[in-house]
Amino acid sequence: MADGGEAAAPGEAERLAAVCAHLEEIRADLRSGPGGDEGPVERVLAAARDGEDSAGTLAVLHAVLQADGDPQGLDGYTNHAGATRSLRPAGISTTRAELVYMCPAGRCARYWWPQPAVSVPQCAISSTPLHQGRL
């Protein structure tokens, strides 16, 4: 926790997961913003695809979203601080029994809970389906 009772900002993996999970929404937000430029999100994707450190490009994307009028920036898309679900939600057993789908390359913290009659989503970075695992 940060001073004043505020939760710490999400890390690089959480922000990259947010980009992957909400790519089209982020693109739409960038297009509708004053700059109308999707370049910042494309640079994040390129850095991740190339295996480069994406902290700098994520910081730029975060700042652009904030400058376009979203006070939470990229953090508004993450599952952090007070979110109702996380990788280990309250009440879930610590045994590895829960089926979950995760980033196929292990680059980010994205996860997806299986849902009836819904296809497994694909990674926006590699275009491969999320990897099945157990918690």
C-alpha atoms as a PDB file:
ATOM      1  CA  MET A   1       0.000   0.000   0.000  1.00  0.00           C
ATOM      2  CA  ALA A   2       1.179   3.483  -0.780  1.00  0.00           C
ATOM      3  CA  ASP A   3       1.033   6.303   1.759  1.00  0.00           C
ATOM      4  CA  GLY A   4      -2.439   7.597   2.452  1.00  0.00           C
ATOM      5  CA  GLY A   5      -4.057   4.173   2.059  1.00  0.00           C
ATOM      6  CA  GLU A   6      -3.860   4.177  -1.746  1.00  0.00           C
ATOM      7  CA  ALA A   7      -2.968   0.954  -3.488  1.00  0.00           C
ATOM      8  CA  ALA A   8       0.276   0.779  -5.426  1.00  0.00           C
ATOM      9  CA  ALA A   9       0.067   1.196  -9.187  1.00  0.00           C
ATOM     10  CA  PRO A  10       0.002  -2.006 -11.241  1.00  0.00           C
ATOM     11  CA  GLY A  11       3.296  -3.309 -12.558  1.00  0.00           C
ATOM     12  CA  GLU A  12       4.428  -3.893 -16.109  1.00  0.00           C
ATOM     13  CA  ALA A  13       2.888  -7.385 -16.344  1.00  0.00           C
ATOM     14  CA  GLU A  14      -0.520  -6.149 -15.168  1.00  0.00           C
ATOM     15  CA  ARG A  15      -0.480  -3.204 -17.562  1.00  0.00           C
ATOM     16  CA  LEU A  16       0.561  -5.437 -20.477  1.00  0.00           C
ATOM     17  CA  ALA A  17      -2.246  -7.834 -19.563  1.00  0.00           C
ATOM     18  CA  ALA A  18      -4.677  -4.905 -19.619  1.00  0.00           C
ATOM     19  CA  VAL A  19      -3.505  -3.958 -23.119  1.00  0.00           C
ATOM     20  CA  CYS A  20      -3.954  -7.539 -24.294  1.00  0.00           C
ATOM     21  CA  ALA A  21      -7.396  -7.963 -22.723  1.00  0.00           C
ATOM     22  CA  HIS A  22      -8.759  -4.541 -23.712  1.00  0.00           C
ATOM     23  CA  LEU A  23      -6.874  -3.832 -26.944  1.00  0.00           C
ATOM     24  CA  GLU A  24      -9.850  -2.819 -29.081  1.00  0.00           C
ATOM     25  CA  GLU A  25     -11.301  -0.614 -26.337  1.00  0.00           C
ATOM     26  CA  ILE A  26      -7.933   1.114 -25.849  1.00  0.00           C
ATOM     27  CA  ARG A  27      -7.593   1.626 -29.605  1.00  0.00           C
ATOM     28  CA  ALA A  28     -11.086   3.158 -29.722  1.00  0.00           C
ATOM     29  CA  ASP A  29     -10.258   5.439 -26.787  1.00  0.00           C
ATOM     30  CA  LEU A  30      -7.074   6.595 -28.518  1.00  0.00           C
ATOM     31  CA  ARG A  31      -8.895   7.203 -31.822  1.00  0.00           C
ATOM     32  CA  SER A  32     -11.565   9.282 -30.087  1.00  0.00           C
ATOM     33  CA  GLY A  33      -9.033  11.301 -28.088  1.00  0.00           C
ATOM     34  CA  PRO A  34      -7.661  14.703 -29.117  1.00  0.00           C
ATOM     35  CA  GLY A  35      -4.617  13.121 -30.798  1.00  0.00           C
ATOM     36  CA  GLY A  36      -6.588  10.387 -32.571  1.00  0.00           C
ATOM     37  CA  ASP A  37      -3.398   8.317 -32.757  1.00  0.00           C
ATOM     38  CA  GLU A  38      -3.145   4.563 -32.088  1.00  0.00           C
ATOM     39  CA  GLY A  39       0.660   4.774 -32.276  1.00  0.00           C
ATOM     40  CA  PRO A  40       1.287   4.436 -28.531  1.00  0.00           C
ATOM     41  CA  VAL A  41      -0.546   1.098 -28.276  1.00  0.00           C
ATOM     42  CA  GLU A  42       1.079  -0.188 -31.464  1.00  0.00           C
ATOM     43  CA  ARG A  43       4.525   0.590 -29.985  1.00  0.00           C
ATOM     44  CA  VAL A  44       3.603  -1.403 -26.848  1.00  0.00           C
ATOM     45  CA  LEU A  45       2.570  -4.367 -29.006  1.00  0.00           C
ATOM     46  CA  ALA A  46       5.733  -4.142 -31.120  1.00  0.00           C
ATOM     47  CA  ALA A  47       7.971  -4.061 -28.036  1.00  0.00           C
ATOM     48  CA  ALA A  48       6.184  -7.074 -26.554  1.00  0.00           C
ATOM     49  CA  ARG A  49       6.335  -9.010 -29.831  1.00  0.00           C
ATOM     50  CA  ASP A  50      10.058  -8.305 -30.139  1.00  0.00           C
ATOM     51  CA  GLY A  51      10.688  -9.424 -26.558  1.00  0.00           C
ATOM     52  CA  GLU A  52      11.858  -5.948 -25.565  1.00  0.00           C
ATOM     53  CA  ASP A  53      11.259  -4.245 -22.236  1.00  0.00           C
ATOM     54  CA  SER A  54       7.857  -2.610 -22.617  1.00  0.00           C
ATOM     55  CA  ALA A  55       7.928  -0.475 -19.447  1.00  0.00           C
ATOM     56  CA  GLY A  56       8.758   2.698 -21.367  1.00  0.00           C
ATOM     57  CA  THR A  57       6.139   2.206 -24.064  1.00  0.00           C
ATOM     58  CA  LEU A  58       3.546   1.292 -21.421  1.00  0.00           C
ATOM     59  CA  ALA A  59       4.375   4.490 -19.515  1.00  0.00           C
ATOM     60  CA  VAL A  60       3.891   6.536 -22.690  1.00  0.00           C
ATOM     61  CA  LEU A  61       0.550   4.836 -23.432  1.00  0.00           C
ATOM     62  CA  HIS A  62      -0.554   5.457 -19.837  1.00  0.00           C
ATOM     63  CA  ALA A  63       0.379   9.156 -20.107  1.00  0.00           C
ATOM     64  CA  VAL A  64      -1.376   9.557 -23.482  1.00  0.00           C
ATOM     65  CA  LEU A  65      -4.598   8.045 -22.130  1.00  0.00           C
ATOM     66  CA  GLN A  66      -4.413  10.415 -19.159  1.00  0.00           C
ATOM     67  CA  ALA A  67      -3.716  13.404 -21.414  1.00  0.00           C
ATOM     68  CA  ASP A  68      -6.741  12.396 -23.523  1.00  0.00           C
ATOM     69  CA  GLY A  69      -8.963  12.783 -20.442  1.00  0.00           C
ATOM     70  CA  ASP A  70      -8.864   9.397 -18.696  1.00  0.00           C
ATOM     71  CA  PRO A  71      -7.517  10.139 -15.205  1.00  0.00           C
ATOM     72  CA  GLN A  72      -6.756   6.460 -14.497  1.00  0.00           C
ATOM     73  CA  GLY A  73      -5.007   5.973 -17.819  1.00  0.00           C
ATOM     74  CA  LEU A  74      -3.959   2.392 -18.465  1.00  0.00           C
ATOM     75  CA  ASP A  75      -4.545   1.480 -14.813  1.00  0.00           C
ATOM     76  CA  GLY A  76      -8.293   1.842 -15.363  1.00  0.00           C
ATOM     77  CA  TYR A  77      -8.163  -1.320 -17.479  1.00  0.00           C
ATOM     78  CA  THR A  78      -6.296  -3.458 -14.943  1.00  0.00           C
ATOM     79  CA  ASN A  79      -7.597  -5.777 -12.229  1.00  0.00           C
ATOM     80  CA  HIS A  80      -5.927  -4.148  -9.256  1.00  0.00           C
ATOM     81  CA  ALA A  81      -6.650  -2.431  -5.959  1.00  0.00           C
ATOM     82  CA  GLY A  82     -10.135  -3.282  -4.850  1.00  0.00           C
ATOM     83  CA  ALA A  83     -11.117  -5.112  -8.008  1.00  0.00           C
ATOM     84  CA  THR A  84     -13.576  -7.894  -7.324  1.00  0.00           C
ATOM     85  CA  ARG A  85     -11.457 -10.536  -9.061  1.00  0.00           C
ATOM     86  CA  SER A  86      -7.773 -11.175  -9.176  1.00  0.00           C
ATOM     87  CA  LEU A  87      -5.509 -14.109  -9.885  1.00  0.00           C
ATOM     88  CA  ARG A  88      -6.272 -15.386  -6.382  1.00  0.00           C
ATOM     89  CA  PRO A  89      -9.726 -14.097  -5.425  1.00  0.00           C
ATOM     90  CA  ALA A  90     -10.834 -14.327  -1.820  1.00  0.00           C
ATOM     91  CA  GLY A  91     -12.477 -17.643  -1.080  1.00  0.00           C
ATOM     92  CA  ILE A  92     -10.701 -19.625  -3.783  1.00  0.00           C
ATOM     93  CA  SER A  93      -8.806 -22.634  -2.515  1.00  0.00           C
ATOM     94  CA  THR A  94      -5.019 -22.563  -2.608  1.00  0.00           C
ATOM     95  CA  THR A  95      -5.014 -26.025  -4.194  1.00  0.00           C
ATOM     96  CA  ARG A  96      -4.392 -26.115  -7.924  1.00  0.00           C
ATOM     97  CA  ALA A  97      -7.925 -26.988  -8.954  1.00  0.00           C
ATOM     98  CA  GLU A  98      -9.336 -23.881 -10.641  1.00  0.00           C
ATOM     99  CA  LEU A  99      -9.122 -23.928 -14.441  1.00  0.00           C
ATOM    100  CA  VAL A 100      -7.877 -20.624 -15.870  1.00  0.00           C
ATOM    101  CA  TYR A 101      -6.425 -19.417 -19.168  1.00  0.00           C
ATOM    102  CA  MET A 102      -3.281 -17.281 -19.088  1.00  0.00           C
ATOM    103  CA  CYS A 103      -0.835 -15.436 -21.330  1.00  0.00           C
ATOM    104  CA  PRO A 104       0.606 -18.062 -23.716  1.00  0.00           C
ATOM    105  CA  ALA A 105       4.133 -16.633 -23.473  1.00  0.00           C
ATOM    106  CA  GLY A 106       4.047 -15.816 -19.760  1.00  0.00           C
ATOM    107  CA  ARG A 107       4.881 -12.161 -20.573  1.00  0.00           C
ATOM    108  CA  CYS A 108       1.931 -10.593 -18.835  1.00  0.00           C
ATOM    109  CA  ALA A 109      -0.496 -11.221 -16.016  1.00  0.00           C
ATOM    110  CA  ARG A 110      -3.581 -11.604 -18.205  1.00  0.00           C
ATOM    111  CA  TYR A 111      -5.979 -14.349 -17.261  1.00  0.00           C
ATOM    112  CA  TRP A 112      -9.458 -15.430 -18.317  1.00  0.00           C
ATOM    113  CA  TRP A 113     -11.921 -17.634 -16.477  1.00  0.00           C
ATOM    114  CA  PRO A 114     -13.668 -20.245 -18.668  1.00  0.00           C
ATOM    115  CA  GLN A 115     -17.239 -19.421 -19.593  1.00  0.00           C
ATOM    116  CA  PRO A 116     -19.873 -21.708 -21.115  1.00  0.00           C
ATOM    117  CA  ALA A 117     -20.268 -21.421 -24.889  1.00  0.00           C
ATOM    118  CA  VAL A 118     -17.508 -18.781 -25.166  1.00  0.00           C
ATOM    119  CA  SER A 119     -14.334 -19.392 -27.160  1.00  0.00           C
ATOM    120  CA  VAL A 120     -11.005 -18.965 -25.437  1.00  0.00           C
ATOM    121  CA  PRO A 121      -9.697 -15.477 -26.275  1.00  0.00           C
ATOM    122  CA  GLN A 122      -6.466 -14.930 -28.148  1.00  0.00           C
ATOM    123  CA  CYS A 123      -3.424 -12.997 -27.065  1.00  0.00           C
ATOM    124  CA  ALA A 124      -3.432  -9.632 -28.828  1.00  0.00           C
ATOM    125  CA  ILE A 125       0.354  -9.721 -29.028  1.00  0.00           C
ATOM    126  CA  SER A 126       0.995 -13.192 -30.477  1.00  0.00           C
ATOM    127  CA  SER A 127      -2.476 -13.986 -31.897  1.00  0.00           C
ATOM    128  CA  THR A 128      -2.391 -17.378 -30.180  1.00  0.00           C
ATOM    129  CA  PRO A 129      -5.063 -18.669 -27.787  1.00  0.00           C
ATOM    130  CA  LEU A 130      -4.520 -18.117 -24.087  1.00  0.00           C
ATOM    131  CA  HIS A 131      -2.787 -21.070 -22.395  1.00  0.00           C
ATOM    132  CA  GLN A 132      -4.826 -23.351 -20.118  1.00  0.00           C
ATOM    133  CA  GLY A 133      -3.559 -23.810 -16.579  1.00  0.00           C
ATOM    134  CA  ARG A 134      -4.753 -24.511 -13.065  1.00  0.00           C
ATOM    135  CA  LEU A 135      -4.575 -22.401  -9.961  1.00  0.00           C
END
